[in-house]
Amino acid sequence: MPHAARQPAMSLVPETAGVPETAEEKVMKPYLRKLMREHRTLNRLIRTTKALGAQNELREMKRLRLRIKDKIAAMQRHYYGRALSV
């Protein structure tokens, strides 16, 4: 199955030109980046596992990926009033 062309990653945070970050944002942004990396890693692992046919492991990884995606969206809604693309 051919993979779709990879889209450029959307920024985790909207542009805030000239607006200083709060202390909370300084902590939150690296955490969001970490969650995004985990989500991408799980996507790659799921593709590999799907090819091997390991259904139980695949199901658990998909659940974990969904929990991470939900966390990312909730944090983005809390801080920016909307969820950005994951």
Foldseek 3Di string as FASTA:
>chain_A
DDDDPDDPDDDLDDDDPPDDDDPVCVVVRVVLVVLVVLLVVLVVVLVVVVVVPPVVVNVVSVVVSVVSQVVSQVVCCVVPVGGDDD
